[in-house]
Protein backbone atom coordinates (compact mmCIF):
# COMPACT_ATOMS: atom_id res chain seq x y z
CA MET A 1 21.94 -7.21 162.45
CA ARG A 2 19.26 -6.94 165.11
CA SER A 3 17.61 -3.70 166.31
CA ASP A 4 16.80 -4.21 169.98
CA TRP A 5 16.25 -0.53 170.51
CA PHE A 6 13.65 -0.48 167.70
CA PHE A 7 11.50 -2.92 169.66
CA LEU A 8 11.78 -0.83 172.80
CA CYS A 9 10.58 2.24 170.87
CA ARG A 10 7.41 0.54 169.66
CA GLN A 11 4.14 2.29 170.13
CA TYR A 12 2.89 1.88 173.66
CA ASN A 13 -0.58 0.97 172.36
CA ASP A 14 0.83 -2.09 170.62
CA VAL A 15 2.42 -3.26 173.87
CA GLU A 16 -0.76 -2.75 175.87
CA ALA A 17 -2.87 -4.56 173.26
CA ALA A 18 -1.34 -7.93 174.04
CA PRO A 19 0.40 -7.79 177.44
CA HIS A 20 0.57 -11.58 177.69
CA THR A 21 2.85 -11.76 174.61
CA TRP A 22 5.56 -9.46 175.97
CA SER A 23 9.16 -10.40 175.27
CA PHE A 24 12.20 -8.35 174.48
CA TYR A 25 15.96 -8.69 174.17
CA ASP A 26 18.69 -7.63 176.52
CA ALA A 27 22.31 -8.30 175.47
CA GLY A 28 21.16 -11.01 173.06
CA SER A 29 19.16 -13.07 175.58
CA LEU A 30 15.40 -13.51 175.34
CA HIS A 31 13.50 -12.83 178.56
CA GLN A 32 9.82 -13.73 178.81
CA GLN A 33 8.16 -11.39 181.33
CA THR A 34 5.82 -12.88 183.88
CA GLY A 35 3.71 -11.43 186.64
CA THR A 36 1.20 -8.61 186.59
CA PHE A 37 0.94 -6.14 183.77
CA ALA A 38 2.17 -3.32 186.04
CA SER A 39 5.30 -5.26 187.00
CA ARG A 40 6.06 -6.03 183.36
CA ARG A 41 5.60 -2.39 182.49
CA ARG A 42 8.06 -1.35 185.22
CA THR A 43 10.56 -3.86 183.89
CA LEU A 44 10.18 -2.38 180.44
CA TYR A 45 10.89 1.08 181.83
CA ASP A 46 14.15 -0.15 183.37
CA TYR A 47 15.31 -1.66 180.09
CA ILE A 48 14.45 1.22 177.82
CA ALA A 49 16.10 3.74 180.15
CA ARG A 50 19.46 2.35 179.01
CA PHE A 51 18.63 3.36 175.45
CA LEU A 52 16.91 6.71 175.90
CA PHE A 53 19.52 8.23 178.23
CA ASN A 54 22.70 6.89 176.64
CA GLY A 55 22.01 7.99 173.05
CA LEU A 56 20.26 6.25 170.15
CA GLY A 57 22.08 3.77 167.93
CA VAL A 58 22.05 0.30 166.40
CA ASP A 59 22.72 -2.78 168.48
CA THR A 60 24.68 -5.01 166.09
CA ASN A 61 24.77 -8.79 166.10
CA ASP A 62 27.79 -9.55 163.93
CA ASP A 63 30.09 -11.43 166.30
CA GLN A 64 30.74 -15.18 166.07
CA SER A 65 28.70 -16.11 169.15
CA GLY A 66 25.56 -14.44 167.84
CA ARG A 67 25.31 -12.27 170.96
CA SER A 68 24.99 -8.52 170.84
CA THR A 69 28.23 -6.54 170.81
CA GLY A 70 26.52 -3.60 172.44
CA ARG A 71 28.15 -1.04 170.13
CA TRP A 72 26.44 2.20 169.12
CA LEU A 73 26.77 3.04 165.41
CA PRO A 74 26.03 6.43 163.87
CA GLY A 75 23.77 5.03 161.14
CA ILE A 76 20.06 4.67 161.91
CA PRO A 77 17.59 3.25 159.37
CA ALA A 78 14.97 5.67 158.12
CA CYS A 79 12.07 3.63 159.47
CA ALA A 80 13.68 3.35 162.87
CA ALA A 81 14.65 7.01 162.95
CA LYS A 82 10.99 7.96 162.74
CA ALA A 83 9.98 5.62 165.56
CA CYS A 84 12.82 6.80 167.81
CA SER A 85 12.72 10.49 166.97
CA PRO A 86 12.23 12.84 169.97
CA SER A 87 8.85 13.93 168.60
CA TYR A 88 7.47 10.39 168.46
CA PRO A 89 4.71 9.98 171.13
CA ALA A 90 6.04 6.68 172.47
CA VAL A 91 9.55 8.09 172.90
CA GLN A 92 8.21 11.14 174.72
CA TYR A 93 6.06 8.95 176.95
CA TYR A 94 8.91 6.65 178.02
CA GLN A 95 11.37 9.51 178.41
CA ARG A 96 9.06 11.12 180.93
CA ARG A 97 8.32 7.89 182.81
CA VAL A 98 11.92 6.73 183.23
CA ALA A 99 13.51 10.16 183.70
CA PRO A 100 14.92 10.94 187.17
CA THR A 101 12.93 13.28 189.40
CA THR A 102 15.93 15.50 190.23
CA CYS A 103 17.48 18.13 188.00
CA GLN A 104 20.44 16.85 185.98
CA GLY A 105 22.14 20.24 186.00
CA ARG A 106 24.16 21.88 183.26
CA PRO A 107 26.94 20.20 181.25
CA GLY A 108 29.82 19.61 183.63
CA ALA A 109 28.00 21.21 186.56
CA PRO A 110 25.52 19.15 188.62
CA CYS A 111 22.50 20.94 190.03
CA SER A 112 22.72 22.22 193.61
CA TRP A 113 19.78 24.64 193.57
CA HIS A 114 17.24 22.95 195.83
CA PRO A 115 15.20 25.78 197.40
CA THR A 116 15.18 24.36 200.95
CA GLN A 117 18.00 21.77 201.21
CA ASN A 118 21.63 22.85 201.28
CA GLY A 119 23.55 21.69 198.22
CA ALA A 120 20.88 19.24 196.99
CA ALA A 121 19.58 18.96 193.44
CA ALA A 122 16.24 20.59 192.72
CA LYS A 123 13.13 18.49 192.16
CA VAL A 124 11.64 18.38 188.65
CA LYS A 125 8.51 16.92 187.04
CA PRO A 126 9.49 14.71 184.09
CA ALA A 127 5.86 13.61 183.68
CA HIS A 128 5.08 17.21 182.64
CA GLY A 129 8.10 17.42 180.36
CA VAL A 130 10.27 19.32 182.89
CA PHE A 131 13.71 17.73 183.23
CA ARG A 132 15.76 20.66 184.58
CA CYS A 133 15.13 23.40 187.12
CA PRO A 134 14.78 27.07 186.07
CA ILE A 135 18.24 27.93 187.40
CA CYS A 136 19.97 25.31 185.22
CA SER A 137 17.70 25.72 182.19
CA GLY A 138 17.83 29.03 180.38
CA ALA A 139 14.69 28.21 178.40
CA GLN A 140 12.61 27.64 181.54
CA MET A 141 13.91 30.80 183.19
CA GLN A 142 13.10 32.82 180.08
CA ALA A 143 9.61 31.29 179.95
CA LEU A 144 8.98 32.27 183.57
CA HIS A 145 10.28 35.77 182.94
CA GLN A 146 7.67 36.34 180.22
CA THR A 147 4.64 36.30 182.55
CA ALA A 148 3.76 38.09 185.78
CA HIS A 149 3.02 34.80 187.56
CA GLY A 150 6.33 33.37 186.35
CA LYS A 151 8.22 36.41 187.62
CA ARG A 152 6.70 35.96 191.07
CA ALA A 153 7.59 32.26 191.07
CA LEU A 154 11.16 32.97 189.98
CA THR A 155 11.52 35.72 192.58
CA LEU A 156 10.32 33.33 195.29
CA ARG A 157 12.82 30.68 194.15
CA LEU A 158 15.67 33.22 194.26
CA LYS A 159 14.64 34.37 197.75
CA GLN A 160 14.63 30.78 199.00
CA LEU A 161 18.08 30.13 197.54
CA LEU A 162 19.50 33.33 199.02
CA ALA A 163 18.21 32.28 202.45
CA LEU A 164 20.33 29.11 202.41
CA ARG A 165 23.82 29.23 203.87
CA SER A 166 25.33 27.03 201.14
CA THR A 167 24.14 29.15 198.19
CA ASP A 168 26.89 30.55 195.96
CA VAL A 169 25.41 34.02 195.50
CA LEU A 170 27.86 35.13 192.80
CA GLN A 171 27.23 32.02 190.71
CA LEU A 172 23.46 32.36 191.15
CA TRP A 173 23.38 35.93 189.87
CA ALA A 174 25.80 35.02 187.08
CA LEU A 175 23.35 32.37 185.83
CA VAL A 176 20.47 34.85 185.97
CA GLU A 177 22.47 37.36 183.92
CA GLU A 178 23.52 34.64 181.47
CA HIS A 179 19.95 33.47 180.88
CA LEU A 180 18.07 36.79 181.01
CA GLY A 181 20.55 39.64 180.62
CA SER A 182 21.74 42.51 182.78
CA ALA A 183 18.38 44.34 182.83
CA ALA A 184 16.60 41.32 184.31
CA LEU A 185 19.49 40.83 186.74
CA THR A 186 18.94 44.32 188.15
CA TYR A 187 15.20 43.66 188.37
CA TYR A 188 15.53 40.41 190.35
CA GLN A 189 18.28 41.78 192.57
CA GLY A 190 15.88 44.50 193.63
CA ARG A 191 13.00 42.06 194.15
CA ALA A 192 14.83 39.15 195.76
CA GLY A 193 17.68 41.03 197.44
CA ALA A 194 21.22 41.21 196.14
CA ALA A 195 22.85 40.44 199.47
CA PRO A 196 22.44 37.05 201.16
CA ARG A 197 20.46 36.88 204.35
CA LYS A 198 22.47 37.37 207.51
CA THR A 199 23.24 34.35 209.62
CA LEU A 200 21.61 33.91 213.00
CA GLN A 201 24.87 34.82 214.71
CA GLN A 202 24.99 38.12 212.82
CA GLN A 203 21.32 38.79 213.53
CA TRP A 204 21.77 38.22 217.27
CA LYS A 205 24.81 40.49 217.34
CA GLU A 206 22.70 43.36 216.04
CA GLU A 207 19.60 42.58 218.08
CA LEU A 208 21.45 42.39 221.40
CA LYS A 209 23.17 45.76 220.98
CA LEU A 210 20.26 47.60 222.61
CA ARG A 211 19.91 45.15 225.49
CA HIS A 212 21.75 46.01 228.68
CA SER A 213 21.93 44.05 231.89
CA VAL A 214 20.34 45.70 234.91
CA HIS A 215 22.93 44.04 237.11
CA PRO A 216 26.41 45.53 237.48
CA LEU A 217 29.42 43.73 236.08
CA PRO A 218 30.84 41.13 238.48
CA ASP A 219 33.72 42.21 240.68
CA GLN A 220 36.84 40.14 241.30
CA GLU A 221 35.10 37.96 243.87
CA GLY A 222 32.23 37.28 241.48
CA GLN A 223 34.64 36.37 238.69
CA ARG A 224 36.49 34.01 241.03
CA VAL A 225 33.25 32.25 241.98
CA TRP A 226 32.29 31.95 238.30
CA ARG A 227 35.65 30.40 237.38
CA GLU A 228 35.37 27.90 240.22
CA ARG A 229 31.89 26.86 239.14
CA ALA A 230 33.05 26.55 235.52
CA ARG A 231 35.91 24.25 236.57
CA GLU A 232 33.54 22.14 238.64
CA ASP A 233 31.13 21.85 235.72
CA GLY A 234 34.04 20.84 233.48
CA ARG A 235 35.14 18.10 235.87
CA MET A 236 31.60 16.77 236.07
CA ARG A 237 31.29 16.82 232.27
CA ASP A 238 34.58 14.97 231.78
CA LYS A 239 33.56 12.40 234.39
CA LYS A 240 30.28 11.58 232.67
CA PHE A 241 31.17 12.22 229.01
CA GLY A 242 34.94 12.09 228.97
CA LEU A 243 35.27 10.15 225.71
CA ALA A 244 33.03 12.47 223.72
CA PHE A 245 34.81 15.62 224.93
CA SER A 246 38.37 14.30 224.83
CA GLU A 247 41.02 15.91 222.63
CA GLN A 248 40.69 13.34 219.83
CA HIS A 249 36.96 14.15 219.69
CA SER A 250 37.30 17.89 220.18
CA GLY A 251 35.65 18.64 216.81
CA ARG A 252 32.18 17.80 215.58
CA ALA A 253 33.08 14.96 213.20
CA TRP A 254 31.86 12.33 215.64
CA MET A 255 28.39 13.91 215.76
CA SER A 256 25.62 12.97 213.36
CA ALA A 257 24.06 15.57 211.09
CA ARG A 258 20.90 15.61 213.21
CA ALA A 259 22.94 16.14 216.38
CA ARG A 260 24.81 19.06 214.81
CA HIS A 261 21.53 20.61 213.68
CA PHE A 262 20.09 20.23 217.17
CA GLU A 263 23.16 21.82 218.74
CA PHE A 264 22.87 24.75 216.33
CA TRP A 265 19.18 25.10 217.18
CA ALA A 266 19.91 25.01 220.92
CA ARG A 267 22.61 27.68 220.65
CA GLU A 268 21.14 30.05 218.06
CA ALA A 269 17.48 29.31 217.32
CA SER A 270 15.88 28.22 220.60
CA TRP A 271 15.00 31.84 221.49
CA PHE A 272 13.61 34.76 219.50
CA MET A 273 13.02 38.45 220.14
CA CYS A 274 9.57 39.96 219.75
CA THR A 275 9.43 42.94 217.39
CA ASP A 276 6.70 44.64 219.48
CA CYS A 277 7.71 44.23 223.11
CA HIS A 278 11.37 43.29 222.48
CA ARG A 279 11.28 40.46 224.98
CA LEU A 280 13.12 37.19 224.54
CA GLU A 281 10.72 34.27 224.22
CA PRO A 282 11.51 30.54 223.96
CA ARG A 283 10.92 28.94 220.57
CA PRO A 284 9.43 25.42 220.72
CA PHE A 285 11.34 22.56 219.14
CA HIS A 286 9.46 20.43 216.62
CA GLN A 287 10.39 17.34 214.68
CA SER A 288 11.11 19.40 211.57
CA SER A 289 12.97 22.19 213.37
CA HIS A 290 16.42 20.88 212.40
CA ASP A 291 15.47 21.21 208.71
CA LYS A 292 14.35 24.81 209.16
CA ASN A 293 17.38 26.21 210.98
CA THR A 294 18.39 28.25 207.93
CA GLN A 295 14.90 29.77 207.68
CA LEU A 296 14.60 30.89 211.32
CA ARG A 297 15.16 34.50 212.30
CA ALA A 298 16.33 36.11 215.52
CA ARG A 299 13.23 38.34 215.53
CA GLN A 300 9.63 37.24 215.29
CA LYS A 301 6.74 39.51 214.40
CA LYS A 302 4.72 38.93 217.57
CA CYS A 303 5.18 36.81 220.65
CA LYS A 304 2.25 34.86 222.06
CA HIS A 305 1.33 37.69 224.44
CA CYS A 306 1.25 40.36 221.75
CA ALA A 307 -0.56 38.05 219.31
CA ARG A 308 -3.36 37.45 221.84
CA GLY A 309 -3.77 41.15 222.45
CA ILE A 310 -3.18 40.88 226.20
CA GLY A 311 0.32 42.29 225.89
CA TYR A 312 3.46 41.40 227.73
CA LYS A 313 5.24 44.70 227.66
CA ALA A 314 8.83 44.94 228.78
CA PRO A 315 9.44 47.66 231.40
CA VAL A 316 11.16 50.83 230.27
CA ILE A 317 12.47 53.87 232.13
CA ASP A 318 9.28 55.84 231.48
CA ASP A 319 7.27 53.26 233.42
CA ILE A 320 9.16 54.09 236.64
CA PRO A 321 7.78 57.10 238.57
CA GLY A 322 10.13 60.06 238.70
CA PRO A 323 10.77 60.03 242.49
CA LEU A 324 11.75 56.35 242.33
CA ARG A 325 14.36 56.72 239.61
CA ASP A 326 18.12 56.70 240.19
CA LEU A 327 17.83 55.45 243.77
CA THR A 328 20.88 54.09 245.50
CA ALA A 329 21.17 50.49 246.58
CA THR A 330 20.78 51.54 250.24
CA ALA A 331 17.54 53.37 249.48
CA LEU A 332 16.16 50.42 247.54
CA TRP A 333 17.04 48.10 250.41
CA ALA A 334 15.23 50.35 252.86
CA LEU A 335 12.14 50.46 250.64
CA ARG A 336 11.87 46.72 250.25
CA PRO A 337 8.52 45.38 251.51
CA ILE A 338 9.86 42.19 253.08
CA GLU A 339 12.83 39.88 252.88
CA ILE A 340 11.93 36.23 252.36
CA ASP A 341 14.14 33.77 254.19
CA VAL A 342 14.88 30.86 251.86
CA GLY A 343 17.71 29.37 253.86
CA GLU A 344 21.35 28.89 252.99
CA TYR A 345 22.26 28.92 249.28
CA ARG A 346 23.57 25.45 248.41
CA ARG A 347 23.94 23.59 245.12
CA GLY A 348 23.81 19.87 244.55
CA ASP A 349 26.40 17.73 242.78
CA TYR A 350 24.60 18.09 239.45
CA GLY A 351 24.13 21.85 239.50
CA TYR A 352 20.63 22.05 241.01
CA ARG A 353 19.93 24.24 243.99
CA ILE A 354 19.01 22.41 247.19
CA HIS A 355 15.90 23.47 249.08
CA THR A 356 17.29 24.45 252.48
């Protein structure tokens, strides 16, 4: 009987002492490692990961061919049990070096609690002994809950998760209650917010309630002109991009994820409303904008004019002198200073106005 796993659990100091004499077994075959010490160390990490993350056992050598059967037996010799115990320094060292950098989740439930990426597993630090995120690990969540700094960190993590569209809010609060109890659940619901953040569509629906067009609603002639222009734009679109907008491609399955994110940004996030002057201002598009769509809001604290202190105030009724309010269209036309002749109104084939 041969104990391959016992060799892999040797003290790391012994391996470093004579790097040129490295050799170890894999499935009964002897492999002499060549190359730099760092490359041999990485190879060792790959081999021992098979042992440390699939359970400890004895690799027997009792078949006729002399090769390893690869079976895991419940019996472990006393001398080997000490070397491969979880408290042994070498085992802890290799466990941290070969462990994955993403949370492994709970039994039967993979992790999906990344604070900024929808549905992705959270990042962990195995080099510091952290193998699971606070949401999946009750011990880590309880440790954070014991200190003021940990409470702030956990509250920030919960706020980030609630801001994502893919977060299962009920499951998130159920895990908090399971790990910390109902009293802590009430505490974090008050700090992080029990309700998920509203989508951009819902935010715009509320923000635009107080905005009214200064122009009257179009009459029948205006509606007819709009329908004609819409049909002309549709014909031009089908002529140039007919395949993409055909019935078999009517959905968004043909679009890449980046294209869908850009379309969402163009429709919902390319403008914002200033909280001070209530004007709509364009939001610049950056390379990372498609990753931050879920973090953008319909309102921004200050636009560039308010932030600079010069102001860009939107006109209100109080700004109009009393005698000039509620004037008829005829009176406004008579009070106009001058009418600028810009020629006949004509549009080009691609929707642009022609200078006439």
